[in-house]
C-alpha atoms as a PDB file:
ATOM      1  CA  GLY A   1       0.000   0.000   0.000  1.00  0.00           C
ATOM      2  CA  ILE A   2       0.853   3.631   0.004  1.00  0.00           C
ATOM      3  CA  ILE A   3       0.809   4.140   3.780  1.00  0.00           C
ATOM      4  CA  PRO A   4       4.466   3.129   4.363  1.00  0.00           C
ATOM      5  CA  PHE A   5       5.576   5.574   1.649  1.00  0.00           C
ATOM      6  CA  LEU A   6       3.508   8.333   3.234  1.00  0.00           C
ATOM      7  CA  LEU A   7       5.098   7.549   6.597  1.00  0.00           C
ATOM      8  CA  VAL A   8       8.605   7.876   5.143  1.00  0.00           C
ATOM      9  CA  THR A   9       7.625  11.160   3.488  1.00  0.00           C
ATOM     10  CA  TYR A  10       6.245  12.404   6.799  1.00  0.00           C
ATOM     11  CA  LEU A  11       9.449  11.421   8.612  1.00  0.00           C
ATOM     12  CA  PHE A  12      11.549  13.220   6.006  1.00  0.00           C
ATOM     13  CA  VAL A  13       9.501  16.416   6.017  1.00  0.00           C
ATOM     14  CA  TYR A  14       8.474  16.801   9.660  1.00  0.00           C
ATOM     15  CA  GLU A  15      11.037  14.837  11.630  1.00  0.00           C
ATOM     16  CA  ASN A  16      14.121  16.146   9.798  1.00  0.00           C
ATOM     17  CA  MET A  17      15.208  12.721   8.578  1.00  0.00           C
ATOM     18  CA  ASP A  18      18.215  13.069   6.298  1.00  0.00           C
ATOM     19  CA  LEU A  19      17.999  12.362   2.562  1.00  0.00           C
ATOM     20  CA  THR A  20      20.228   9.259   2.632  1.00  0.00           C
ATOM     21  CA  ASP A  21      18.014   7.499   5.181  1.00  0.00           C
ATOM     22  CA  THR A  22      14.924   8.508   3.230  1.00  0.00           C
ATOM     23  CA  VAL A  23      16.308   7.060  -0.019  1.00  0.00           C
ATOM     24  CA  ILE A  24      17.277   3.831   1.768  1.00  0.00           C
ATOM     25  CA  LEU A  25      13.808   3.484   3.299  1.00  0.00           C
ATOM     26  CA  PHE A  26      12.054   4.244  -0.003  1.00  0.00           C
ATOM     27  CA  SER A  27      14.254   1.677  -1.765  1.00  0.00           C
ATOM     28  CA  ALA A  28      13.529  -0.963   0.856  1.00  0.00           C
ATOM     29  CA  LEU A  29       9.793  -0.270   0.679  1.00  0.00           C
ATOM     30  CA  ALA A  30       9.810  -0.401  -3.117  1.00  0.00           C
ATOM     31  CA  LEU A  31      11.713  -3.701  -3.107  1.00  0.00           C
ATOM     32  CA  PHE A  32       9.349  -5.140  -0.497  1.00  0.00           C
ATOM     33  CA  SER A  33       6.322  -4.028  -2.555  1.00  0.00           C
ATOM     34  CA  ILE A  34       7.745  -5.613  -5.701  1.00  0.00           C
ATOM     35  CA  LEU A  35       8.563  -8.895  -3.942  1.00  0.00           C
ATOM     36  CA  THR A  36       5.121  -9.013  -2.328  1.00  0.00           C
ATOM     37  CA  GLY A  37       3.520  -8.439  -5.725  1.00  0.00           C
ATOM     38  CA  PHE A  38       5.558 -11.236  -7.298  1.00  0.00           C
ATOM     39  CA  SER A  39       4.653 -13.540  -4.421  1.00  0.00           C
ATOM     40  CA  LEU A  40       0.935 -12.823  -4.842  1.00  0.00           C
ATOM     41  CA  MET A  41       1.177 -13.271  -8.610  1.00  0.00           C
ATOM     42  CA  ARG A  42       3.001 -16.582  -8.174  1.00  0.00           C
ATOM     43  CA  ARG A  43       0.401 -17.857  -5.707  1.00  0.00           C
ATOM     44  CA  SER A  44      -2.402 -16.826  -8.091  1.00  0.00           C
ATOM     45  CA  ALA A  45      -0.667 -18.530 -11.007  1.00  0.00           C
ATOM     46  CA  ASP A  46      -0.292 -21.733  -8.984  1.00  0.00           C
ATOM     47  CA  GLN A  47      -3.986 -21.648  -8.098  1.00  0.00           C
ATOM     48  CA  LEU A  48      -4.906 -21.155 -11.767  1.00  0.00           C
ATOM     49  CA  VAL A  49      -2.716 -24.094 -12.781  1.00  0.00           C
ATOM     50  CA  ASN A  50      -4.383 -26.307 -10.174  1.00  0.00           C
ATOM     51  CA  LEU A  51      -7.849 -25.144 -11.236  1.00  0.00           C
ATOM     52  CA  SER A  52      -6.980 -25.779 -14.887  1.00  0.00           C
ATOM     53  CA  ARG A  53      -5.708 -29.244 -14.028  1.00  0.00           C
ATOM     54  CA  GLU A  54      -8.871 -30.044 -12.050  1.00  0.00           C
ATOM     55  CA  THR A  55     -11.090 -28.718 -14.847  1.00  0.00           C
ATOM     56  CA  GLY A  56      -9.223 -30.806 -17.407  1.00  0.00           C
ATOM     57  CA  MET A  57      -9.676 -33.896 -15.248  1.00  0.00           C
ATOM     58  CA  ILE A  58     -13.401 -33.254 -14.909  1.00  0.00           C
ATOM     59  CA  GLU A  59     -13.820 -32.634 -18.662  1.00  0.00           C
ATOM     60  CA  ALA A  60     -11.865 -35.802 -19.455  1.00  0.00           C
ATOM     61  CA  GLY A  61     -14.160 -37.788 -17.183  1.00  0.00           C
ATOM     62  CA  VAL A  62     -11.385 -38.745 -14.790  1.00  0.00           C
ATOM     63  CA  LYS A  63     -13.188 -37.098 -11.917  1.00  0.00           C
ATOM     64  CA  SER A  64     -16.888 -37.744 -11.924  1.00  0.00           C
ATOM     65  CA  GLU A  65     -17.919 -37.385  -8.284  1.00  0.00           C
ATOM     66  CA  PRO A  66     -19.806 -34.195  -7.495  1.00  0.00           C
ATOM     67  CA  VAL A  67     -18.265 -31.579  -5.273  1.00  0.00           C
ATOM     68  CA  GLN A  68     -19.843 -31.756  -1.838  1.00  0.00           C
ATOM     69  CA  ILE A  69     -20.310 -28.491   0.022  1.00  0.00           C
ATOM     70  CA  SER A  70     -21.119 -28.917   3.683  1.00  0.00           C
ATOM     71  CA  ALA A  71     -23.599 -26.700   5.476  1.00  0.00           C
ATOM     72  CA  GLU A  72     -20.667 -25.256   7.431  1.00  0.00           C
ATOM     73  CA  ASP A  73     -18.824 -24.356   4.179  1.00  0.00           C
ATOM     74  CA  GLU A  74     -21.978 -22.762   2.802  1.00  0.00           C
ATOM     75  CA  LYS A  75     -22.455 -20.781   6.042  1.00  0.00           C
ATOM     76  CA  LYS A  76     -18.831 -19.610   5.984  1.00  0.00           C
ATOM     77  CA  GLY A  77     -19.135 -18.510   2.344  1.00  0.00           C
ATOM     78  CA  LEU A  78     -22.278 -16.521   3.077  1.00  0.00           C
ATOM     79  CA  GLU A  79     -20.621 -14.907   6.119  1.00  0.00           C
ATOM     80  CA  LEU A  80     -17.685 -13.896   3.912  1.00  0.00           C
ATOM     81  CA  GLY A  81     -20.006 -12.130   1.487  1.00  0.00           C
ATOM     82  CA  ALA A  82     -21.318 -14.696  -0.982  1.00  0.00           C
ATOM     83  CA  MET A  83     -24.822 -13.790  -2.115  1.00  0.00           C
ATOM     84  CA  ASP A  84     -25.972 -17.323  -2.856  1.00  0.00           C
ATOM     85  CA  TYR A  85     -25.018 -20.919  -3.569  1.00  0.00           C
ATOM     86  CA  ILE A  86     -26.249 -22.638  -6.688  1.00  0.00           C
ATOM     87  CA  LYS A  87     -26.758 -26.353  -6.283  1.00  0.00           C
ATOM     88  CA  LYS A  88     -26.911 -29.030  -8.951  1.00  0.00           C
ATOM     89  CA  PRO A  89     -28.859 -29.953 -10.933  1.00  0.00           C
ATOM     90  CA  ILE A  90     -29.019 -26.426 -12.258  1.00  0.00           C
ATOM     91  CA  GLN A  91     -32.358 -25.266 -13.608  1.00  0.00           C
ATOM     92  CA  LYS A  92     -31.967 -22.515 -16.159  1.00  0.00           C
ATOM     93  CA  GLU A  93     -35.009 -20.495 -15.010  1.00  0.00           C
ATOM     94  CA  ILE A  94     -33.939 -20.620 -11.348  1.00  0.00           C
ATOM     95  CA  LEU A  95     -30.370 -19.672 -12.255  1.00  0.00           C
ATOM     96  CA  LEU A  96     -31.571 -16.642 -14.229  1.00  0.00           C
ATOM     97  CA  LEU A  97     -33.778 -15.524 -11.325  1.00  0.00           C
ATOM     98  CA  ARG A  98     -30.879 -15.871  -8.868  1.00  0.00           C
ATOM     99  CA  VAL A  99     -28.575 -13.828 -11.121  1.00  0.00           C
ATOM    100  CA  LYS A 100     -31.271 -11.179 -11.589  1.00  0.00           C
ATOM    101  CA  SER A 101     -31.808 -11.013  -7.819  1.00  0.00           C
ATOM    102  CA  ALA A 102     -28.064 -10.692  -7.150  1.00  0.00           C
ATOM    103  CA  LEU A 103     -27.732  -7.895  -9.706  1.00  0.00           C
ATOM    104  CA  GLU A 104     -30.656  -6.031  -8.138  1.00  0.00           C
ATOM    105  CA  LYS A 105     -29.021  -6.311  -4.702  1.00  0.00           C
ATOM    106  CA  LEU A 106     -25.807  -4.866  -6.133  1.00  0.00           C
ATOM    107  CA  LYS A 107     -27.695  -1.872  -7.566  1.00  0.00           C
ATOM    108  CA  ARG A 108     -29.027  -0.928  -4.115  1.00  0.00           C
END
């Protein structure tokens, strides 16, 4: 975030921190931000690879058992902000009504 950079700027301007220390702190913060970004990107890429692998297995018929979502998992998802869970078998009319309802809630 930007807060650490604002803190360093504040220290430089109001606390009479010398320029060398300021440059060192800015460099360290920039390096940390870059490394954190790469770490998050790497984790996301790994998750996409795993999801792709799972999807390929399902499409190939290797994995045919349905995904079971427990009531506790559904509760946790709703507490974290999910609007709804769609259960199989999916009925087109019900799915469209759920999407319409979710979009209306977002407009409010």
